[in-house]
Amino acid sequence: MKKILIAFAMSFSALMASSLTAAAPHFDQDGYDHPRGKGNAYGKKSRDFDEDDDDDRKDMRRMREERGVKRLQQHKWQPGYVLPQHYRGNGYKVDYRDQNLPKPDRRQQWYKINNDYILVNSETNSIMRIMGL
């Protein structure tokens, strides 16, 4: 029994020691920092993840979103077209009584988009009627 406990203790300590050494960070032998740092094994500067790159990405994303909004605002609605998914949220839905609109049939809903009231079939999302202001 004593031999089994000694063997178990030695194997457990060897397992713990190997897991600790595997988890240690590996640094380059030539004096460079970690590969995600300023240099790499070839002496070249690796990509820095600083705030300038993040700001540039945010600016590009903002400009792309603004272009998309402008494109959607210039969209010409016609009966028979399918209402884009972007406009199908509750924020665009209006109550026909509050806006003095004709009562929609069953499975139809009024939406207000770009100062136009659009009657949409709720099942197919196709535009049924358009009323401008």
C-alpha atoms as a PDB file:
ATOM      1  CA  MET A   1       0.000   0.000   0.000  1.00  0.00           C
ATOM      2  CA  LYS A   2       2.878   2.300   0.854  1.00  0.00           C
ATOM      3  CA  LYS A   3       4.449   1.731  -2.580  1.00  0.00           C
ATOM      4  CA  ILE A   4       1.160   2.604  -4.303  1.00  0.00           C
ATOM      5  CA  LEU A   5       0.846   5.882  -2.387  1.00  0.00           C
ATOM      6  CA  ILE A   6       4.457   6.807  -3.174  1.00  0.00           C
ATOM      7  CA  ALA A   7       3.947   6.045  -6.868  1.00  0.00           C
ATOM      8  CA  PHE A   8       0.713   8.045  -6.884  1.00  0.00           C
ATOM      9  CA  ALA A   9       2.369  11.036  -5.160  1.00  0.00           C
ATOM     10  CA  MET A  10       5.313  11.013  -7.587  1.00  0.00           C
ATOM     11  CA  SER A  11       3.099  10.809 -10.666  1.00  0.00           C
ATOM     12  CA  PHE A  12       0.862  13.588  -9.359  1.00  0.00           C
ATOM     13  CA  SER A  13       3.839  15.870  -8.661  1.00  0.00           C
ATOM     14  CA  ALA A  14       5.273  15.135 -12.121  1.00  0.00           C
ATOM     15  CA  LEU A  15       1.916  16.008 -13.685  1.00  0.00           C
ATOM     16  CA  MET A  16       1.713  19.295 -11.789  1.00  0.00           C
ATOM     17  CA  ALA A  17       5.290  20.233 -12.695  1.00  0.00           C
ATOM     18  CA  SER A  18       4.719  19.540 -16.391  1.00  0.00           C
ATOM     19  CA  SER A  19       1.507  21.581 -16.474  1.00  0.00           C
ATOM     20  CA  LEU A  20       3.260  24.537 -14.826  1.00  0.00           C
ATOM     21  CA  THR A  21       6.116  24.517 -17.297  1.00  0.00           C
ATOM     22  CA  ALA A  22       3.750  24.243 -20.250  1.00  0.00           C
ATOM     23  CA  ALA A  23       1.797  27.287 -19.054  1.00  0.00           C
ATOM     24  CA  ALA A  24       4.873  29.532 -18.734  1.00  0.00           C
ATOM     25  CA  PRO A  25       5.327  32.284 -21.366  1.00  0.00           C
ATOM     26  CA  HIS A  26       7.914  31.625 -24.044  1.00  0.00           C
ATOM     27  CA  PHE A  27      10.208  34.484 -24.954  1.00  0.00           C
ATOM     28  CA  ASP A  28      12.601  34.708 -27.836  1.00  0.00           C
ATOM     29  CA  GLN A  29      16.248  33.947 -27.109  1.00  0.00           C
ATOM     30  CA  ASP A  30      17.516  36.946 -29.108  1.00  0.00           C
ATOM     31  CA  GLY A  31      16.245  39.469 -26.590  1.00  0.00           C
ATOM     32  CA  TYR A  32      12.995  40.302 -28.323  1.00  0.00           C
ATOM     33  CA  ASP A  33       9.780  40.551 -26.403  1.00  0.00           C
ATOM     34  CA  HIS A  34       6.797  38.311 -26.694  1.00  0.00           C
ATOM     35  CA  PRO A  35       5.646  37.758 -30.325  1.00  0.00           C
ATOM     36  CA  ARG A  36       2.690  40.092 -29.761  1.00  0.00           C
ATOM     37  CA  GLY A  37       5.023  42.817 -28.576  1.00  0.00           C
ATOM     38  CA  LYS A  38       7.257  45.256 -30.463  1.00  0.00           C
ATOM     39  CA  GLY A  39       9.459  42.762 -32.265  1.00  0.00           C
ATOM     40  CA  ASN A  40       9.479  39.209 -33.515  1.00  0.00           C
ATOM     41  CA  ALA A  41      12.092  36.530 -34.164  1.00  0.00           C
ATOM     42  CA  TYR A  42      13.094  38.095 -37.498  1.00  0.00           C
ATOM     43  CA  GLY A  43      13.761  41.540 -36.063  1.00  0.00           C
ATOM     44  CA  LYS A  44      10.777  43.082 -37.833  1.00  0.00           C
ATOM     45  CA  LYS A  45       8.319  45.216 -36.009  1.00  0.00           C
ATOM     46  CA  SER A  46       5.083  43.363 -35.519  1.00  0.00           C
ATOM     47  CA  ARG A  47       1.702  45.059 -35.727  1.00  0.00           C
ATOM     48  CA  ASP A  48       0.962  47.335 -32.791  1.00  0.00           C
ATOM     49  CA  PHE A  49      -2.562  47.329 -31.518  1.00  0.00           C
ATOM     50  CA  ASP A  50      -2.692  50.889 -30.324  1.00  0.00           C
ATOM     51  CA  GLU A  51      -5.522  53.374 -30.140  1.00  0.00           C
ATOM     52  CA  ASP A  52      -4.793  55.000 -33.537  1.00  0.00           C
ATOM     53  CA  ASP A  53      -5.758  51.830 -35.417  1.00  0.00           C
ATOM     54  CA  ASP A  54      -8.878  51.485 -33.290  1.00  0.00           C
ATOM     55  CA  ASP A  55      -9.887  55.105 -33.967  1.00  0.00           C
ATOM     56  CA  ASP A  56      -9.359  54.618 -37.703  1.00  0.00           C
ATOM     57  CA  ARG A  57     -11.562  51.532 -37.668  1.00  0.00           C
ATOM     58  CA  LYS A  58     -14.270  53.383 -35.743  1.00  0.00           C
ATOM     59  CA  ASP A  59     -14.171  56.269 -38.231  1.00  0.00           C
ATOM     60  CA  MET A  60     -14.421  53.901 -41.200  1.00  0.00           C
ATOM     61  CA  ARG A  61     -17.335  52.048 -39.597  1.00  0.00           C
ATOM     62  CA  ARG A  62     -19.124  55.319 -38.819  1.00  0.00           C
ATOM     63  CA  MET A  63     -18.701  56.580 -42.403  1.00  0.00           C
ATOM     64  CA  ARG A  64     -19.951  53.258 -43.803  1.00  0.00           C
ATOM     65  CA  GLU A  65     -23.032  53.384 -41.555  1.00  0.00           C
ATOM     66  CA  GLU A  66     -23.746  56.988 -42.582  1.00  0.00           C
ATOM     67  CA  ARG A  67     -23.565  56.008 -46.264  1.00  0.00           C
ATOM     68  CA  GLY A  68     -25.991  53.157 -45.614  1.00  0.00           C
ATOM     69  CA  VAL A  69     -28.453  55.451 -43.833  1.00  0.00           C
ATOM     70  CA  LYS A  70     -28.308  57.977 -46.683  1.00  0.00           C
ATOM     71  CA  ARG A  71     -28.890  55.205 -49.204  1.00  0.00           C
ATOM     72  CA  LEU A  72     -31.922  53.960 -47.272  1.00  0.00           C
ATOM     73  CA  GLN A  73     -33.311  57.503 -46.979  1.00  0.00           C
ATOM     74  CA  GLN A  74     -33.117  57.956 -50.747  1.00  0.00           C
ATOM     75  CA  HIS A  75     -34.955  54.691 -51.391  1.00  0.00           C
ATOM     76  CA  LYS A  76     -38.039  55.096 -53.558  1.00  0.00           C
ATOM     77  CA  TRP A  77     -40.951  53.026 -52.339  1.00  0.00           C
ATOM     78  CA  GLN A  78     -43.385  51.400 -54.757  1.00  0.00           C
ATOM     79  CA  PRO A  79     -46.316  49.062 -54.225  1.00  0.00           C
ATOM     80  CA  GLY A  80     -45.243  45.472 -54.748  1.00  0.00           C
ATOM     81  CA  TYR A  81     -41.729  46.021 -53.396  1.00  0.00           C
ATOM     82  CA  VAL A  82     -40.674  44.080 -50.305  1.00  0.00           C
ATOM     83  CA  LEU A  83     -40.067  46.209 -47.237  1.00  0.00           C
ATOM     84  CA  PRO A  84     -36.368  45.909 -46.229  1.00  0.00           C
ATOM     85  CA  GLN A  85     -35.785  44.066 -42.978  1.00  0.00           C
ATOM     86  CA  HIS A  86     -34.183  47.155 -41.458  1.00  0.00           C
ATOM     87  CA  TYR A  87     -37.599  48.847 -41.313  1.00  0.00           C
ATOM     88  CA  ARG A  88     -39.637  45.940 -39.948  1.00  0.00           C
ATOM     89  CA  GLY A  89     -39.001  46.782 -36.295  1.00  0.00           C
ATOM     90  CA  ASN A  90     -41.548  48.191 -33.864  1.00  0.00           C
ATOM     91  CA  GLY A  91     -39.894  51.613 -34.005  1.00  0.00           C
ATOM     92  CA  TYR A  92     -41.332  52.247 -37.473  1.00  0.00           C
ATOM     93  CA  LYS A  93     -44.829  50.889 -36.816  1.00  0.00           C
ATOM     94  CA  VAL A  94     -47.597  53.455 -36.309  1.00  0.00           C
ATOM     95  CA  ASP A  95     -51.195  53.267 -35.167  1.00  0.00           C
ATOM     96  CA  TYR A  96     -53.539  54.188 -37.984  1.00  0.00           C
ATOM     97  CA  ARG A  97     -55.946  55.987 -35.604  1.00  0.00           C
ATOM     98  CA  ASP A  98     -53.251  58.377 -34.332  1.00  0.00           C
ATOM     99  CA  GLN A  99     -52.198  59.338 -37.875  1.00  0.00           C
ATOM    100  CA  ASN A 100     -55.689  59.507 -39.473  1.00  0.00           C
ATOM    101  CA  LEU A 101     -54.884  56.663 -41.866  1.00  0.00           C
ATOM    102  CA  PRO A 102     -57.348  54.190 -43.371  1.00  0.00           C
ATOM    103  CA  LYS A 103     -57.924  51.099 -41.259  1.00  0.00           C
ATOM    104  CA  PRO A 104     -55.657  48.273 -42.427  1.00  0.00           C
ATOM    105  CA  ASP A 105     -57.062  44.858 -43.236  1.00  0.00           C
ATOM    106  CA  ARG A 106     -56.188  41.831 -41.184  1.00  0.00           C
ATOM    107  CA  ARG A 107     -52.448  40.973 -41.441  1.00  0.00           C
ATOM    108  CA  GLN A 108     -51.524  44.491 -42.588  1.00  0.00           C
ATOM    109  CA  GLN A 109     -49.557  47.146 -40.730  1.00  0.00           C
ATOM    110  CA  TRP A 110     -48.783  50.835 -41.273  1.00  0.00           C
ATOM    111  CA  TYR A 111     -45.155  51.987 -41.065  1.00  0.00           C
ATOM    112  CA  LYS A 112     -43.772  55.539 -41.087  1.00  0.00           C
ATOM    113  CA  ILE A 113     -40.542  55.740 -43.053  1.00  0.00           C
ATOM    114  CA  ASN A 114     -38.926  58.983 -44.283  1.00  0.00           C
ATOM    115  CA  ASN A 115     -42.159  60.999 -43.862  1.00  0.00           C
ATOM    116  CA  ASP A 116     -44.145  58.422 -45.852  1.00  0.00           C
ATOM    117  CA  TYR A 117     -46.795  56.105 -44.482  1.00  0.00           C
ATOM    118  CA  ILE A 118     -46.462  52.640 -45.970  1.00  0.00           C
ATOM    119  CA  LEU A 119     -49.055  49.887 -45.672  1.00  0.00           C
ATOM    120  CA  VAL A 120     -47.336  46.494 -45.588  1.00  0.00           C
ATOM    121  CA  ASN A 121     -48.679  42.945 -45.738  1.00  0.00           C
ATOM    122  CA  SER A 122     -47.371  41.349 -42.525  1.00  0.00           C
ATOM    123  CA  GLU A 123     -47.090  37.856 -44.007  1.00  0.00           C
ATOM    124  CA  THR A 124     -45.147  38.646 -47.198  1.00  0.00           C
ATOM    125  CA  ASN A 125     -43.697  42.044 -46.142  1.00  0.00           C
ATOM    126  CA  SER A 126     -44.748  43.442 -49.510  1.00  0.00           C
ATOM    127  CA  ILE A 127     -45.784  47.070 -49.805  1.00  0.00           C
ATOM    128  CA  MET A 128     -49.499  47.472 -50.456  1.00  0.00           C
ATOM    129  CA  ARG A 129     -49.988  51.255 -50.427  1.00  0.00           C
ATOM    130  CA  ILE A 130     -47.962  54.451 -49.917  1.00  0.00           C
ATOM    131  CA  MET A 131     -49.261  57.738 -48.532  1.00  0.00           C
ATOM    132  CA  GLY A 132     -46.976  60.768 -48.415  1.00  0.00           C
ATOM    133  CA  LEU A 133     -47.283  63.683 -46.064  1.00  0.00           C
END
